[in-house]
Every structure is written in C-alpha cells, then in structure tokens.
Amino acid sequence: MALNLDKNLKLYYSISEVAKMFDVNESTLRYWEKEIPALKPKTSGPSLIRQYSEKDIEVVKAIYNLVKVRGFKIAAAKKILAANRKGVDKTAEALERLIAIRDELQLMKQHVDEMYV
C-alpha cells in the first residue's frame, strides 16, 4: 500500500493555530465556544488545552462566515446554525469557491495586463 502524501495527517490543531487560520483572536474562539453549542473542541491535560479537529474547524468556518463575513450577530448565527447547519455549510463552501475564482481571475487579468505593457 502506497503512502498517501496528499492526506492531511494532523488530527488536532491548537487554539493558536485555528486563530491564525481565521485571523481572529483566541479569545474570540473561546467566546464562540461558550455561545455556540456545536463548537466543542476536545480538551486535555490539567490546564484543559483545546484541541480542534477538522470537524471543529468546519464549525468555526461556518461561524466565521456568518459573523465576520456576512455580519450577523452571534445570537443570530447561533439560531441559524441550530436551524440549518447543512445550508450554512453549503453557503460557506460556495463563498470559498467564489473567492478562489475571483482571486484566480484577478491573477489572470494581471498576467494579461503585463503582456500589453
């Protein structure tokens, strides 16, 4: 059996790593944990160090999309996530794809502009 190098081998991420992924403060993540029941990272050790799984990061992504991108208050985001989690995930995924397409188009435009300078 060949080694799959494309697969993400990391099972858990620290709170600082997740905060950097989303460009938010660690305190913001802790606040979201208190307010959103779906976000419950694993804790370990006597100091209760948070360990975020891929599933937890997907929840953070959904919260980030609702609160930071779309401008909802945390109470509204909590209700939306509770009522329609799959819909929120699909919306976040579509937004990610659109941003990637926009970035690619901007890069293509830059290359075309460089050709005619």
Protein backbone atom coordinates (compact mmCIF):
# COMPACT_ATOMS: atom_id res chain seq x y z
CA MET A 1 0.00 0.00 0.00
CA ALA A 2 1.45 3.37 -1.04
CA LEU A 3 1.74 6.28 1.36
CA ASN A 4 -0.86 8.95 0.64
CA LEU A 5 1.06 12.23 0.87
CA ASP A 6 -1.96 14.36 -0.03
CA LYS A 7 -3.92 13.38 3.05
CA ASN A 8 -3.76 15.76 5.99
CA LEU A 9 -2.08 13.75 8.73
CA LYS A 10 -2.70 16.21 11.55
CA LEU A 11 -5.65 15.15 13.73
CA TYR A 12 -5.84 18.14 16.07
CA TYR A 13 -4.94 21.82 15.94
CA SER A 14 -4.22 24.15 18.85
CA ILE A 15 -6.34 27.21 19.52
CA SER A 16 -3.50 29.46 18.31
CA GLU A 17 -3.29 27.56 15.00
CA VAL A 18 -7.05 27.86 14.46
CA ALA A 19 -6.97 31.55 15.41
CA LYS A 20 -4.27 32.13 12.77
CA MET A 21 -6.27 30.20 10.14
CA PHE A 22 -9.18 32.60 10.52
CA ASP A 23 -7.25 35.72 11.57
CA VAL A 24 -9.18 36.06 14.84
CA ASN A 25 -8.10 36.27 18.47
CA GLU A 26 -8.00 33.18 20.65
CA SER A 27 -10.45 34.95 22.96
CA THR A 28 -12.90 35.17 20.04
CA LEU A 29 -12.74 31.40 19.61
CA ARG A 30 -13.27 30.86 23.34
CA TYR A 31 -16.29 33.20 23.23
CA TRP A 32 -17.75 31.33 20.25
CA GLU A 33 -17.32 28.06 22.19
CA LYS A 34 -19.39 29.48 25.05
CA GLU A 35 -22.12 30.79 22.74
CA ILE A 36 -22.39 28.10 20.05
CA PRO A 37 -23.16 24.59 21.33
CA ALA A 38 -21.95 22.96 18.09
CA LEU A 39 -18.38 24.15 18.77
CA LYS A 40 -16.86 21.92 21.43
CA PRO A 41 -13.19 21.16 20.83
CA LYS A 42 -11.58 18.36 22.78
CA THR A 43 -9.72 19.44 25.92
CA SER A 44 -6.82 17.61 27.50
CA GLY A 45 -4.45 17.86 30.40
CA PRO A 46 -4.86 19.62 33.72
CA SER A 47 -4.84 23.04 32.01
CA LEU A 48 -7.61 21.94 29.58
CA ILE A 49 -5.68 22.64 26.39
CA ARG A 50 -8.07 22.86 23.45
CA GLN A 51 -7.60 20.50 20.51
CA TYR A 52 -9.62 21.34 17.40
CA SER A 53 -10.46 18.52 14.99
CA GLU A 54 -11.31 19.01 11.30
CA LYS A 55 -15.00 18.88 12.29
CA ASP A 56 -14.46 21.66 14.84
CA ILE A 57 -12.68 23.74 12.21
CA GLU A 58 -15.66 23.31 9.87
CA VAL A 59 -17.91 24.69 12.64
CA VAL A 60 -15.51 27.62 13.16
CA LYS A 61 -15.59 28.23 9.41
CA ALA A 62 -19.39 28.36 9.46
CA ILE A 63 -19.43 30.73 12.45
CA TYR A 64 -16.76 32.92 10.84
CA ASN A 65 -18.78 33.09 7.62
CA LEU A 66 -21.93 34.13 9.46
CA VAL A 67 -20.37 36.58 11.92
CA LYS A 68 -17.33 38.08 10.21
CA VAL A 69 -18.22 37.79 6.51
CA ARG A 70 -22.00 38.19 6.49
CA GLY A 71 -22.22 40.45 9.56
CA PHE A 72 -24.68 38.51 11.71
CA LYS A 73 -24.70 38.96 15.49
CA ILE A 74 -23.61 35.89 17.44
CA ALA A 75 -27.19 35.24 18.65
CA ALA A 76 -28.45 35.18 15.06
CA ALA A 77 -25.56 32.94 13.98
CA LYS A 78 -26.43 30.56 16.83
CA LYS A 79 -30.05 30.33 15.64
CA ILE A 80 -29.06 29.89 12.01
CA LEU A 81 -26.59 27.13 12.85
CA ALA A 82 -29.13 25.34 15.03
CA ALA A 83 -31.86 25.54 12.37
CA ASN A 84 -29.94 24.92 9.16
CA ARG A 85 -26.38 23.72 9.63
CA LYS A 86 -26.14 22.00 6.24
CA GLY A 87 -27.36 25.11 4.44
CA VAL A 88 -24.78 27.24 6.25
CA ASP A 89 -22.02 24.80 5.32
CA LYS A 90 -23.04 24.88 1.66
CA THR A 91 -23.17 28.68 1.67
CA ALA A 92 -19.71 28.89 3.23
CA GLU A 93 -18.37 26.40 0.68
CA ALA A 94 -19.88 28.37 -2.20
CA LEU A 95 -18.39 31.59 -0.85
CA GLU A 96 -14.96 29.95 -0.61
CA ARG A 97 -15.21 28.80 -4.21
CA LEU A 98 -16.27 32.25 -5.40
CA ILE A 99 -13.37 33.90 -3.57
CA ALA A 100 -10.93 31.42 -5.12
CA ILE A 101 -12.39 32.08 -8.59
CA ARG A 102 -12.17 35.84 -8.03
CA ASP A 103 -8.52 35.54 -6.96
CA GLU A 104 -7.72 33.41 -10.00
CA LEU A 105 -9.43 35.88 -12.34
CA GLN A 106 -7.53 38.78 -10.80
CA LEU A 107 -4.27 36.91 -11.35
CA MET A 108 -5.22 36.19 -14.97
CA LYS A 109 -6.06 39.86 -15.52
CA GLN A 110 -2.71 40.84 -14.04
CA HIS A 111 -0.91 38.50 -16.46
CA VAL A 112 -2.88 39.86 -19.43
CA ASP A 113 -2.15 43.45 -18.38
CA GLU A 114 1.57 42.61 -18.12
CA MET A 115 1.52 41.23 -21.66
CA TYR A 116 0.31 44.55 -23.09
CA VAL A 117 2.59 46.89 -21.15
